[in-house]
Amino acid sequence: MLYYALVALVIAIIAGLLGFGAIAFAAAGIAKILFFIFLVIFVVTLAGHLLRRTGA
């Protein structure tokens, strides 16, 4: 998931440098969404691992 967010970010940077503003804006939005999905999954997985480790 983080890989796809980074790919979208690179596409946004390249598109922005080449002057494709709409594509850069869309790719940056996609990168943000994927990054936040990654963060939610990471936090849920981390919490599950910590709860399982403590025996709760």
N, C-alpha and C. Protein backbone atom coordinates (compact mmCIF):
# COMPACT_ATOMS: atom_id res chain seq x y z
N MET A 1 0.84 -1.19 0.00
CA MET A 1 0.00 0.00 0.00
C MET A 1 0.88 1.25 0.00
N LEU A 2 1.89 1.24 0.84
CA LEU A 2 2.79 2.39 0.89
C LEU A 2 3.53 2.55 -0.43
N TYR A 3 3.85 1.44 -1.06
CA TYR A 3 4.52 1.47 -2.36
C TYR A 3 3.68 2.22 -3.40
N TYR A 4 2.39 1.92 -3.43
CA TYR A 4 1.50 2.57 -4.40
C TYR A 4 1.34 4.06 -4.10
N ALA A 5 1.35 4.42 -2.81
CA ALA A 5 1.28 5.83 -2.44
C ALA A 5 2.53 6.56 -2.93
N LEU A 6 3.69 5.93 -2.78
CA LEU A 6 4.92 6.55 -3.24
C LEU A 6 4.97 6.65 -4.77
N VAL A 7 4.45 5.65 -5.46
CA VAL A 7 4.40 5.71 -6.92
C VAL A 7 3.50 6.85 -7.37
N ALA A 8 2.35 7.00 -6.74
CA ALA A 8 1.44 8.09 -7.10
C ALA A 8 2.09 9.44 -6.80
N LEU A 9 2.85 9.52 -5.72
CA LEU A 9 3.53 10.77 -5.39
C LEU A 9 4.60 11.11 -6.43
N VAL A 10 5.35 10.12 -6.88
CA VAL A 10 6.36 10.34 -7.91
C VAL A 10 5.70 10.78 -9.21
N ILE A 11 4.59 10.16 -9.56
CA ILE A 11 3.86 10.55 -10.76
C ILE A 11 3.38 12.00 -10.64
N ALA A 12 2.91 12.37 -9.45
CA ALA A 12 2.45 13.74 -9.23
C ALA A 12 3.60 14.74 -9.38
N ILE A 13 4.75 14.39 -8.85
CA ILE A 13 5.90 15.30 -8.95
C ILE A 13 6.34 15.44 -10.40
N ILE A 14 6.42 14.34 -11.11
CA ILE A 14 6.85 14.40 -12.52
C ILE A 14 5.83 15.17 -13.35
N ALA A 15 4.55 14.90 -13.13
CA ALA A 15 3.52 15.61 -13.88
C ALA A 15 3.54 17.10 -13.57
N GLY A 16 3.78 17.44 -12.31
CA GLY A 16 3.86 18.85 -11.94
C GLY A 16 5.05 19.55 -12.60
N LEU A 17 6.17 18.86 -12.66
CA LEU A 17 7.35 19.44 -13.31
C LEU A 17 7.14 19.64 -14.81
N LEU A 18 6.37 18.75 -15.41
CA LEU A 18 6.13 18.84 -16.85
C LEU A 18 4.96 19.76 -17.19
N GLY A 19 4.28 20.28 -16.18
CA GLY A 19 3.21 21.23 -16.43
C GLY A 19 1.82 20.65 -16.56
N PHE A 20 1.65 19.41 -16.20
CA PHE A 20 0.32 18.78 -16.24
C PHE A 20 -0.33 18.94 -14.87
N GLY A 21 -0.91 20.10 -14.64
CA GLY A 21 -1.43 20.43 -13.32
C GLY A 21 -2.56 19.54 -12.86
N ALA A 22 -3.51 19.24 -13.74
CA ALA A 22 -4.66 18.42 -13.35
C ALA A 22 -4.24 17.00 -12.99
N ILE A 23 -3.33 16.45 -13.78
CA ILE A 23 -2.85 15.10 -13.50
C ILE A 23 -2.05 15.08 -12.21
N ALA A 24 -1.24 16.12 -12.00
CA ALA A 24 -0.45 16.20 -10.77
C ALA A 24 -1.37 16.31 -9.55
N PHE A 25 -2.41 17.12 -9.66
CA PHE A 25 -3.35 17.28 -8.54
C PHE A 25 -4.06 15.97 -8.23
N ALA A 26 -4.50 15.27 -9.27
CA ALA A 26 -5.20 14.00 -9.07
C ALA A 26 -4.26 12.95 -8.47
N ALA A 27 -3.04 12.87 -8.97
CA ALA A 27 -2.09 11.88 -8.46
C ALA A 27 -1.71 12.19 -7.02
N ALA A 28 -1.59 13.46 -6.67
CA ALA A 28 -1.28 13.83 -5.29
C ALA A 28 -2.45 13.46 -4.37
N GLY A 29 -3.66 13.64 -4.84
CA GLY A 29 -4.83 13.23 -4.05
C GLY A 29 -4.88 11.74 -3.83
N ILE A 30 -4.57 10.99 -4.86
CA ILE A 30 -4.54 9.53 -4.74
C ILE A 30 -3.45 9.11 -3.76
N ALA A 31 -2.30 9.76 -3.84
CA ALA A 31 -1.20 9.43 -2.93
C ALA A 31 -1.60 9.71 -1.48
N LYS A 32 -2.30 10.81 -1.24
CA LYS A 32 -2.75 11.12 0.12
C LYS A 32 -3.71 10.07 0.64
N ILE A 33 -4.68 9.71 -0.20
CA ILE A 33 -5.67 8.71 0.22
C ILE A 33 -5.00 7.38 0.53
N LEU A 34 -4.11 6.92 -0.35
CA LEU A 34 -3.44 5.65 -0.12
C LEU A 34 -2.56 5.70 1.12
N PHE A 35 -1.91 6.82 1.36
CA PHE A 35 -1.07 6.94 2.54
C PHE A 35 -1.89 6.85 3.82
N PHE A 36 -3.05 7.52 3.85
CA PHE A 36 -3.88 7.47 5.05
C PHE A 36 -4.50 6.09 5.25
N ILE A 37 -4.83 5.40 4.16
CA ILE A 37 -5.30 4.02 4.29
C ILE A 37 -4.19 3.15 4.87
N PHE A 38 -2.96 3.36 4.39
CA PHE A 38 -1.82 2.63 4.92
C PHE A 38 -1.66 2.90 6.42
N LEU A 39 -1.78 4.15 6.83
CA LEU A 39 -1.63 4.48 8.25
C LEU A 39 -2.69 3.80 9.11
N VAL A 40 -3.94 3.78 8.64
CA VAL A 40 -5.01 3.14 9.39
C VAL A 40 -4.74 1.64 9.53
N ILE A 41 -4.36 1.00 8.44
CA ILE A 41 -4.08 -0.44 8.49
C ILE A 41 -2.89 -0.71 9.40
N PHE A 42 -1.86 0.15 9.34
CA PHE A 42 -0.70 -0.02 10.19
C PHE A 42 -1.05 0.08 11.66
N VAL A 43 -1.85 1.09 12.02
CA VAL A 43 -2.22 1.29 13.43
C VAL A 43 -3.08 0.13 13.93
N VAL A 44 -4.02 -0.33 13.12
CA VAL A 44 -4.87 -1.45 13.52
C VAL A 44 -4.04 -2.71 13.70
N THR A 45 -3.11 -2.96 12.79
CA THR A 45 -2.25 -4.13 12.89
C THR A 45 -1.34 -4.04 14.11
N LEU A 46 -0.78 -2.86 14.34
CA LEU A 46 0.09 -2.67 15.51
C LEU A 46 -0.68 -2.87 16.80
N ALA A 47 -1.88 -2.32 16.89
CA ALA A 47 -2.69 -2.49 18.10
C ALA A 47 -3.05 -3.96 18.31
N GLY A 48 -3.41 -4.64 17.23
CA GLY A 48 -3.72 -6.06 17.36
C GLY A 48 -2.53 -6.87 17.81
N HIS A 49 -1.36 -6.53 17.30
CA HIS A 49 -0.16 -7.25 17.70
C HIS A 49 0.17 -6.99 19.17
N LEU A 50 0.05 -5.75 19.61
CA LEU A 50 0.35 -5.41 21.00
C LEU A 50 -0.66 -6.06 21.95
N LEU A 51 -1.93 -6.09 21.56
CA LEU A 51 -2.94 -6.72 22.42
C LEU A 51 -2.73 -8.23 22.50
N ARG A 52 -2.35 -8.83 21.40
CA ARG A 52 -2.12 -10.27 21.39
C ARG A 52 -0.88 -10.61 22.23
N ARG A 53 0.11 -9.75 22.20
CA ARG A 53 1.36 -9.98 22.92
C ARG A 53 1.17 -9.89 24.43
N THR A 54 0.28 -8.99 24.89
CA THR A 54 0.06 -8.81 26.30
C THR A 54 -0.90 -9.86 26.86
N GLY A 55 -1.56 -10.58 25.99
CA GLY A 55 -2.48 -11.62 26.44
C GLY A 55 -3.88 -11.12 26.72
N ALA A 56 -4.20 -9.94 26.33
CA ALA A 56 -5.54 -9.38 26.61
C ALA A 56 -6.56 -9.90 25.64
